[in-house]
C-alpha atoms as a PDB file:
ATOM      1  CA  MET A   1      -5.041  37.528 -10.514  1.00  0.00           C
ATOM      2  CA  ALA A   2      -3.368  36.369  -6.768  1.00  0.00           C
ATOM      3  CA  ASN A   3      -5.475  35.331  -5.515  1.00  0.00           C
ATOM      4  CA  GLN A   4      -4.706  31.602  -5.285  1.00  0.00           C
ATOM      5  CA  ASP A   5      -7.824  30.940  -2.997  1.00  0.00           C
ATOM      6  CA  ILE A   6     -10.159  31.831  -6.052  1.00  0.00           C
ATOM      7  CA  THR A   7     -10.639  29.028  -9.275  1.00  0.00           C
ATOM      8  CA  PHE A   8     -11.781  31.246 -12.692  1.00  0.00           C
ATOM      9  CA  ILE A   9     -13.096  29.441 -14.901  1.00  0.00           C
ATOM     10  CA  ALA A  10     -12.835  31.033 -18.363  1.00  0.00           C
ATOM     11  CA  ASP A  11     -15.899  31.194 -21.184  1.00  0.00           C
ATOM     12  CA  PRO A  12     -15.868  28.794 -23.910  1.00  0.00           C
ATOM     13  CA  ASP A  13     -16.298  32.277 -25.783  1.00  0.00           C
ATOM     14  CA  PRO A  14     -12.412  33.301 -26.505  1.00  0.00           C
ATOM     15  CA  GLU A  15     -13.143  37.078 -27.044  1.00  0.00           C
ATOM     16  CA  SER A  16     -15.719  37.477 -23.202  1.00  0.00           C
ATOM     17  CA  ILE A  17     -13.588  39.743 -20.956  1.00  0.00           C
ATOM     18  CA  SER A  18     -15.325  36.691 -18.479  1.00  0.00           C
ATOM     19  CA  SER A  19     -15.482  33.979 -16.672  1.00  0.00           C
ATOM     20  CA  ASP A  20     -17.511  31.282 -17.487  1.00  0.00           C
ATOM     21  CA  VAL A  21     -17.466  31.121 -13.407  1.00  0.00           C
ATOM     22  CA  THR A  22     -16.026  31.544 -10.759  1.00  0.00           C
ATOM     23  CA  GLY A  23     -15.156  29.344  -7.613  1.00  0.00           C
ATOM     24  CA  PHE A  24     -14.059  30.182  -3.512  1.00  0.00           C
ATOM     25  CA  ALA A  25     -14.311  27.952  -1.077  1.00  0.00           C
ATOM     26  CA  GLY A  26     -17.017  25.848  -2.398  1.00  0.00           C
ATOM     27  CA  VAL A  27     -19.158  28.075  -3.369  1.00  0.00           C
ATOM     28  CA  LEU A  28     -19.294  29.482  -7.314  1.00  0.00           C
ATOM     29  CA  VAL A  29     -20.639  31.789  -9.228  1.00  0.00           C
ATOM     30  CA  SER A  30     -21.995  32.259 -12.789  1.00  0.00           C
ATOM     31  CA  THR A  31     -24.175  35.170 -14.621  1.00  0.00           C
ATOM     32  CA  GLN A  32     -24.805  33.458 -18.367  1.00  0.00           C
ATOM     33  CA  ILE A  33     -27.063  35.428 -21.041  1.00  0.00           C
ATOM     34  CA  PRO A  34     -29.744  33.789 -23.473  1.00  0.00           C
ATOM     35  CA  THR A  35     -26.265  31.710 -25.717  1.00  0.00           C
ATOM     36  CA  ARG A  36     -27.389  28.906 -27.973  1.00  0.00           C
ATOM     37  CA  ALA A  37     -24.994  25.999 -27.588  1.00  0.00           C
ATOM     38  CA  ASP A  38     -23.022  27.165 -30.670  1.00  0.00           C
ATOM     39  CA  GLY A  39     -22.392  30.440 -29.411  1.00  0.00           C
ATOM     40  CA  SER A  40     -24.723  32.530 -30.889  1.00  0.00           C
ATOM     41  CA  LEU A  41     -27.514  34.020 -29.034  1.00  0.00           C
ATOM     42  CA  GLU A  42     -30.755  33.786 -29.315  1.00  0.00           C
ATOM     43  CA  LEU A  43     -32.693  37.100 -28.990  1.00  0.00           C
ATOM     44  CA  GLY A  44     -36.076  35.623 -30.219  1.00  0.00           C
ATOM     45  CA  GLY A  45     -39.052  36.154 -27.167  1.00  0.00           C
ATOM     46  CA  ILE A  46     -38.294  35.294 -23.540  1.00  0.00           C
ATOM     47  CA  VAL A  47     -39.436  32.122 -23.193  1.00  0.00           C
ATOM     48  CA  GLU A  48     -36.683  30.667 -25.612  1.00  0.00           C
ATOM     49  CA  GLN A  49     -34.187  33.612 -24.349  1.00  0.00           C
ATOM     50  CA  SER A  50     -34.778  31.862 -20.778  1.00  0.00           C
ATOM     51  CA  GLU A  51     -34.277  28.463 -22.465  1.00  0.00           C
ATOM     52  CA  CYS A  52     -31.098  29.406 -23.362  1.00  0.00           C
ATOM     53  CA  THR A  53     -30.305  30.881 -20.466  1.00  0.00           C
ATOM     54  CA  LEU A  54     -30.421  28.746 -17.801  1.00  0.00           C
ATOM     55  CA  GLN A  55     -29.512  25.868 -19.996  1.00  0.00           C
ATOM     56  CA  ALA A  56     -26.094  28.023 -20.653  1.00  0.00           C
ATOM     57  CA  LEU A  57     -26.283  28.281 -16.688  1.00  0.00           C
ATOM     58  CA  LYS A  58     -26.365  24.491 -16.389  1.00  0.00           C
ATOM     59  CA  VAL A  59     -23.571  23.679 -18.800  1.00  0.00           C
ATOM     60  CA  ALA A  60     -21.541  26.192 -16.755  1.00  0.00           C
ATOM     61  CA  LEU A  61     -22.608  24.734 -13.260  1.00  0.00           C
ATOM     62  CA  GLU A  62     -21.990  20.990 -14.161  1.00  0.00           C
ATOM     63  CA  ARG A  63     -18.503  21.999 -16.156  1.00  0.00           C
ATOM     64  CA  ALA A  64     -18.115  23.776 -12.122  1.00  0.00           C
ATOM     65  CA  GLY A  65     -18.795  20.210 -11.184  1.00  0.00           C
ATOM     66  CA  SER A  66     -21.929  21.265 -10.020  1.00  0.00           C
ATOM     67  CA  SER A  67     -25.778  21.584 -10.868  1.00  0.00           C
ATOM     68  CA  MET A  68     -28.625  22.865 -11.349  1.00  0.00           C
ATOM     69  CA  ASP A  69     -29.989  21.077  -7.355  1.00  0.00           C
ATOM     70  CA  ARG A  70     -27.420  23.359  -6.297  1.00  0.00           C
ATOM     71  CA  VAL A  71     -28.208  26.670  -6.491  1.00  0.00           C
ATOM     72  CA  LEU A  72     -28.697  28.122  -3.036  1.00  0.00           C
ATOM     73  CA  HIS A  73     -29.021  32.106  -4.618  1.00  0.00           C
ATOM     74  CA  LEU A  74     -30.527  33.072  -8.094  1.00  0.00           C
ATOM     75  CA  THR A  75     -30.834  36.685  -9.571  1.00  0.00           C
ATOM     76  CA  ILE A  76     -32.442  37.246 -12.770  1.00  0.00           C
ATOM     77  CA  TYR A  77     -32.555  40.805 -14.769  1.00  0.00           C
ATOM     78  CA  LEU A  78     -35.507  41.741 -17.210  1.00  0.00           C
ATOM     79  CA  THR A  79     -35.852  44.266 -19.285  1.00  0.00           C
ATOM     80  CA  ASP A  80     -39.587  44.105 -19.108  1.00  0.00           C
ATOM     81  CA  MET A  81     -40.975  42.797 -15.525  1.00  0.00           C
ATOM     82  CA  ALA A  82     -44.444  41.911 -17.703  1.00  0.00           C
ATOM     83  CA  ASP A  83     -41.790  38.999 -18.798  1.00  0.00           C
ATOM     84  CA  ARG A  84     -41.641  37.508 -15.153  1.00  0.00           C
ATOM     85  CA  PRO A  85     -44.386  34.771 -15.761  1.00  0.00           C
ATOM     86  CA  ALA A  86     -42.995  33.084 -18.678  1.00  0.00           C
ATOM     87  CA  PHE A  87     -39.837  32.980 -16.930  1.00  0.00           C
ATOM     88  CA  ASN A  88     -41.230  31.711 -14.069  1.00  0.00           C
ATOM     89  CA  GLU A  89     -42.509  28.652 -16.156  1.00  0.00           C
ATOM     90  CA  VAL A  90     -39.157  28.122 -18.132  1.00  0.00           C
ATOM     91  CA  TYR A  91     -37.673  28.196 -14.365  1.00  0.00           C
ATOM     92  CA  GLN A  92     -39.359  25.489 -12.965  1.00  0.00           C
ATOM     93  CA  ARG A  93     -38.317  22.801 -15.825  1.00  0.00           C
ATOM     94  CA  PHE A  94     -34.849  23.679 -14.615  1.00  0.00           C
ATOM     95  CA  PHE A  95     -34.995  23.803 -10.988  1.00  0.00           C
ATOM     96  CA  SER A  96     -38.080  22.487  -8.082  1.00  0.00           C
ATOM     97  CA  LYS A  97     -38.657  22.337  -5.038  1.00  0.00           C
ATOM     98  CA  PRO A  98     -37.072  23.341  -2.943  1.00  0.00           C
ATOM     99  CA  TRP A  99     -36.820  26.464  -4.442  1.00  0.00           C
ATOM    100  CA  PRO A 100     -33.571  28.609  -4.625  1.00  0.00           C
ATOM    101  CA  VAL A 101     -33.571  31.821  -3.552  1.00  0.00           C
ATOM    102  CA  ARG A 102     -33.716  34.551  -6.088  1.00  0.00           C
ATOM    103  CA  ALA A 103     -34.758  37.985  -6.980  1.00  0.00           C
ATOM    104  CA  ALA A 104     -36.191  39.157  -9.887  1.00  0.00           C
ATOM    105  CA  VAL A 105     -34.632  42.819 -10.753  1.00  0.00           C
ATOM    106  CA  GLY A 106     -36.142  45.459 -13.787  1.00  0.00           C
ATOM    107  CA  VAL A 107     -33.991  46.051 -15.445  1.00  0.00           C
ATOM    108  CA  ALA A 108     -33.640  49.737 -18.096  1.00  0.00           C
ATOM    109  CA  ALA A 109     -31.427  47.232 -20.984  1.00  0.00           C
ATOM    110  CA  LEU A 110     -29.011  44.510 -20.790  1.00  0.00           C
ATOM    111  CA  ALA A 111     -25.279  44.655 -23.293  1.00  0.00           C
ATOM    112  CA  VAL A 112     -26.994  43.638 -25.975  1.00  0.00           C
ATOM    113  CA  GLU A 113     -29.390  45.132 -28.188  1.00  0.00           C
ATOM    114  CA  GLY A 114     -32.713  42.460 -28.345  1.00  0.00           C
ATOM    115  CA  MET A 115     -31.586  40.572 -24.540  1.00  0.00           C
ATOM    116  CA  ARG A 116     -34.290  40.447 -22.674  1.00  0.00           C
ATOM    117  CA  VAL A 117     -33.015  37.685 -19.256  1.00  0.00           C
ATOM    118  CA  GLU A 118     -29.518  38.011 -17.529  1.00  0.00           C
ATOM    119  CA  VAL A 119     -28.972  35.577 -14.564  1.00  0.00           C
ATOM    120  CA  THR A 120     -26.505  35.489 -11.929  1.00  0.00           C
ATOM    121  CA  ALA A 121     -26.561  32.356  -9.985  1.00  0.00           C
ATOM    122  CA  MET A 122     -24.671  31.478  -6.718  1.00  0.00           C
ATOM    123  CA  ALA A 123     -24.080  27.026  -6.644  1.00  0.00           C
ATOM    124  CA  ALA A 124     -22.446  25.065  -3.493  1.00  0.00           C
ATOM    125  CA  LYS A 125     -19.385  22.658  -5.663  1.00  0.00           C
ATOM    126  CA  GLY A 126     -19.941  19.181  -4.981  1.00  0.00           C
END
């Protein structure tokens, strides 16, 4: 891309067609799925998927020079809104007050069958 004022940090998966983090003027954007540290997908229960997703977000943000306490906004995509309380329990282990602005969105499906959660975050760099 010709946008010299935008930074793209590649996804560690060489076959990915998405950047891991994108940055502009000190704001970072990242979308994460329930990926384990070894790169494989976690397709178990909502707690396990939520933990992997938020851990993947933490790692991506830290690689980009940010952290979970610099997250400004989080959009949570859930294939079953009944999973929201379980996601929230995991969420509170990764975030604390002041809480990021957030939205939970119910969706019919995600990119991989069995995937129950995906998050998109905006964070401040530094």
